[in-house]
């Protein structure tokens, strides 16, 4: 019964209008489309759509287990395709506590620019159910993010077996207006797409 319901959900999700841009698009084996815009009140809304070759079941199994992210997802994630490193570096993702059932994870990062250099961390609550995952930042008055919510959805391509569609969408609300006003959206969008492509390449290597 559970398998039937899961299969039914996959079919409904793949038919969702949210994936229409991928359904209409033509192009390379790996396709990444994204949008990034300011929504007022220090918020940034984002959406990433990706279409690539791979096994849906394998990807869903990897996604629902954050403990193995460092073994595939984070490999090379800080390296630019053109060479060098991104200013914002993702260092690690670890459990916030020793409790195996705790859903809070700590993202460790560093930021290095000509004006600023610092290390930091943020806690996120991750909830995953097979091919669905939700990220929410744990409130912290010292964190740069006042609010962060994102949903990840993985479905088989409507075009046939052996191809995956992924959607990651959500919003981030910054605590301060100054960095919000100075965020270079186009640069952030490009770097985000490059990192998504790196993550896809990492998955395809372990999916062989």
Protein backbone atom coordinates (compact mmCIF):
# COMPACT_ATOMS: atom_id res chain seq x y z
CA UNK A 1 0.00 0.00 0.00
CA UNK A 2 2.80 2.42 0.93
CA UNK A 3 4.59 1.68 -2.35
CA UNK A 4 1.38 2.33 -4.27
CA UNK A 5 0.82 5.69 -2.52
CA UNK A 6 4.45 6.67 -3.10
CA UNK A 7 4.21 5.79 -6.79
CA UNK A 8 0.96 7.74 -7.05
CA UNK A 9 2.61 10.79 -5.44
CA UNK A 10 5.53 10.61 -7.88
CA UNK A 11 3.11 10.65 -10.80
CA UNK A 12 1.17 13.63 -9.43
CA UNK A 13 4.36 15.54 -8.58
CA UNK A 14 5.82 15.00 -12.04
CA UNK A 15 2.62 16.36 -13.57
CA UNK A 16 2.77 19.50 -11.39
CA UNK A 17 2.82 22.87 -13.14
CA UNK A 18 5.94 23.70 -11.15
CA UNK A 19 7.94 21.55 -13.57
CA UNK A 20 6.51 23.10 -16.74
CA UNK A 21 9.75 25.00 -17.56
CA UNK A 22 11.60 21.67 -17.68
CA UNK A 23 8.84 20.08 -19.70
CA UNK A 24 9.12 22.81 -22.34
CA UNK A 25 12.89 23.14 -22.34
CA UNK A 26 15.31 21.55 -24.76
CA UNK A 27 19.05 21.50 -24.42
CA UNK A 28 21.97 19.64 -22.86
CA UNK A 29 21.81 16.46 -20.78
CA UNK A 30 22.09 18.55 -17.61
CA UNK A 31 19.77 21.54 -17.49
CA UNK A 32 19.62 24.03 -14.60
CA UNK A 33 17.14 26.92 -14.51
CA UNK A 34 16.91 29.36 -11.61
CA UNK A 35 15.25 32.55 -10.49
CA UNK A 36 16.31 34.85 -7.67
CA UNK A 37 14.52 38.03 -6.66
CA UNK A 38 14.10 40.41 -3.79
CA UNK A 39 10.64 40.37 -2.25
CA UNK A 40 10.81 43.32 0.12
CA UNK A 41 11.16 43.27 3.91
CA UNK A 42 14.73 41.97 3.54
CA UNK A 43 13.54 38.77 1.84
CA UNK A 44 14.95 36.92 -1.16
CA UNK A 45 12.86 34.33 -2.97
CA UNK A 46 14.48 31.63 -5.04
CA UNK A 47 13.67 28.65 -7.22
CA UNK A 48 15.99 26.15 -8.87
CA UNK A 49 14.83 23.57 -11.41
CA UNK A 50 17.17 20.87 -12.68
CA UNK A 51 16.86 18.03 -15.15
CA UNK A 52 19.58 15.41 -15.49
CA UNK A 53 20.32 11.73 -16.02
CA UNK A 54 20.16 9.52 -12.94
CA UNK A 55 18.22 7.12 -10.78
CA UNK A 56 15.40 8.76 -8.79
CA UNK A 57 15.37 6.12 -6.07
CA UNK A 58 19.13 6.42 -5.51
CA UNK A 59 18.98 10.21 -5.28
CA UNK A 60 16.05 10.11 -2.86
CA UNK A 61 17.93 7.66 -0.62
CA UNK A 62 20.96 9.97 -0.52
CA UNK A 63 18.92 13.10 0.14
CA UNK A 64 17.09 11.67 3.14
CA UNK A 65 20.41 10.90 4.86
CA UNK A 66 22.27 14.16 5.63
CA UNK A 67 25.01 12.21 7.42
CA UNK A 68 26.48 11.19 4.06
CA UNK A 69 26.34 14.64 2.41
CA UNK A 70 30.04 15.21 3.01
CA UNK A 71 30.76 11.99 1.10
CA UNK A 72 29.18 13.20 -2.12
CA UNK A 73 27.21 16.47 -2.06
CA UNK A 74 29.90 18.70 -0.53
CA UNK A 75 32.82 17.42 -2.59
CA UNK A 76 34.28 20.33 -4.56
CA UNK A 77 31.22 22.47 -3.79
CA UNK A 78 33.41 25.49 -3.01
CA UNK A 79 35.43 25.36 -6.25
CA UNK A 80 34.58 27.59 -9.20
CA UNK A 81 34.47 25.90 -12.63
CA UNK A 82 36.81 28.63 -13.89
CA UNK A 83 39.26 28.07 -11.03
CA UNK A 84 39.62 29.46 -7.53
CA UNK A 85 37.17 29.40 -4.63
CA UNK A 86 33.84 31.05 -3.92
CA UNK A 87 33.89 33.76 -1.22
CA UNK A 88 31.23 31.83 0.71
CA UNK A 89 32.58 28.41 1.67
CA UNK A 90 30.46 25.52 2.93
CA UNK A 91 32.71 23.66 5.36
CA UNK A 92 30.60 20.85 6.78
CA UNK A 93 27.16 19.69 7.84
CA UNK A 94 27.00 17.86 11.18
CA UNK A 95 24.41 16.93 13.78
CA UNK A 96 23.80 19.72 16.27
CA UNK A 97 23.50 17.16 19.09
CA UNK A 98 24.45 13.54 19.67
CA UNK A 99 20.83 12.43 19.57
CA UNK A 100 20.40 10.18 16.48
CA UNK A 101 16.77 11.23 16.02
CA UNK A 102 17.44 14.96 16.34
CA UNK A 103 16.48 16.76 13.12
CA UNK A 104 18.70 19.81 13.77
CA UNK A 105 21.92 20.06 11.76
CA UNK A 106 24.76 22.58 11.94
CA UNK A 107 26.04 24.12 8.71
CA UNK A 108 29.61 25.34 9.18
CA UNK A 109 30.81 28.02 6.78
CA UNK A 110 33.41 30.68 6.14
CA UNK A 111 33.23 33.97 4.30
CA UNK A 112 36.24 35.68 2.79
CA UNK A 113 36.11 38.96 0.85
CA UNK A 114 38.38 41.97 0.59
CA UNK A 115 36.29 43.62 3.32
CA UNK A 116 35.45 40.70 5.58
CA UNK A 117 36.78 37.34 6.70
CA UNK A 118 34.97 35.19 9.23
CA UNK A 119 33.95 31.67 10.20
CA UNK A 120 30.49 30.84 11.43
CA UNK A 121 27.70 28.32 11.72
CA UNK A 122 23.92 28.15 11.46
CA UNK A 123 21.51 25.50 12.67
CA UNK A 124 18.82 24.12 10.38
CA UNK A 125 15.95 21.78 11.04
CA UNK A 126 15.83 19.17 8.26
CA UNK A 127 12.78 17.03 7.74
CA UNK A 128 12.84 14.45 4.96
CA UNK A 129 10.35 11.91 3.74
CA UNK A 130 11.72 9.96 0.87
CA UNK A 131 11.80 12.36 -2.12
CA UNK A 132 10.70 15.43 -0.19
CA UNK A 133 12.88 17.52 2.10
CA UNK A 134 12.33 20.74 4.04
CA UNK A 135 14.96 23.11 5.47
CA UNK A 136 14.16 25.66 8.19
CA UNK A 137 16.67 27.82 10.01
CA UNK A 138 16.62 27.53 13.79
CA UNK A 139 16.00 31.05 15.19
CA UNK A 140 19.14 32.69 16.54
CA UNK A 141 19.48 36.42 17.23
CA UNK A 142 23.16 36.28 16.32
CA UNK A 143 22.60 34.69 12.89
CA UNK A 144 22.55 36.68 9.64
CA UNK A 145 19.35 34.89 8.62
CA UNK A 146 16.21 35.78 10.50
CA UNK A 147 14.19 33.26 8.53
CA UNK A 148 14.91 30.57 5.96
CA UNK A 149 12.51 28.03 4.49
CA UNK A 150 13.17 25.79 1.51
CA UNK A 151 11.57 22.70 0.00
CA UNK A 152 13.33 20.13 -2.14
CA UNK A 153 11.28 17.87 -4.42
CA UNK A 154 12.66 15.00 -6.52
CA UNK A 155 10.56 13.27 -9.18
CA UNK A 156 11.17 11.13 -12.26
CA UNK A 157 11.16 13.06 -15.51
CA UNK A 158 7.88 13.01 -17.41
CA UNK A 159 9.95 12.12 -20.47
CA UNK A 160 10.81 8.61 -19.33
CA UNK A 161 12.98 6.46 -17.09
CA UNK A 162 16.57 7.23 -16.22
CA UNK A 163 16.09 10.97 -15.86
CA UNK A 164 15.49 13.08 -12.76
CA UNK A 165 13.71 16.36 -12.16
CA UNK A 166 14.53 18.39 -9.05
CA UNK A 167 12.93 21.53 -7.67
CA UNK A 168 14.36 23.56 -4.78
CA UNK A 169 12.39 26.64 -3.81
CA UNK A 170 11.99 28.87 -0.81
CA UNK A 171 12.79 32.18 0.81
CA UNK A 172 15.44 33.76 3.01
CA UNK A 173 14.95 36.80 5.21
CA UNK A 174 18.08 38.66 6.28
CA UNK A 175 18.29 40.20 9.72
CA UNK A 176 19.93 43.42 8.53
CA UNK A 177 18.97 45.78 5.70
CA UNK A 178 22.54 46.74 4.75
CA UNK A 179 23.69 43.35 3.33
CA UNK A 180 20.25 42.90 1.78
CA UNK A 181 20.63 46.11 -0.20
CA UNK A 182 24.13 45.17 -1.36
CA UNK A 183 23.54 41.57 -2.42
CA UNK A 184 24.61 41.10 -6.09
CA UNK A 185 21.68 38.98 -7.29
CA UNK A 186 23.07 38.10 -10.73
CA UNK A 187 26.39 36.97 -9.27
CA UNK A 188 24.61 34.98 -6.57
CA UNK A 189 22.36 33.38 -9.20
CA UNK A 190 25.33 32.35 -11.36
CA UNK A 191 27.24 30.90 -8.43
CA UNK A 192 24.14 29.05 -7.26
CA UNK A 193 23.65 27.42 -10.68
CA UNK A 194 27.33 26.45 -10.82
CA UNK A 195 27.10 24.80 -7.42
CA UNK A 196 23.94 22.93 -8.41
CA UNK A 197 25.76 21.58 -11.47
CA UNK A 198 28.65 20.48 -9.26
CA UNK A 199 26.20 18.69 -6.93
CA UNK A 200 24.62 16.94 -9.92
CA UNK A 201 28.04 15.82 -11.18
CA UNK A 202 28.82 14.48 -7.69
CA UNK A 203 25.59 12.51 -7.66
CA UNK A 204 26.15 11.10 -11.13
CA UNK A 205 29.59 9.84 -10.07
CA UNK A 206 28.16 7.87 -7.12
CA UNK A 207 25.18 6.81 -9.24
CA UNK A 208 27.33 4.89 -11.75
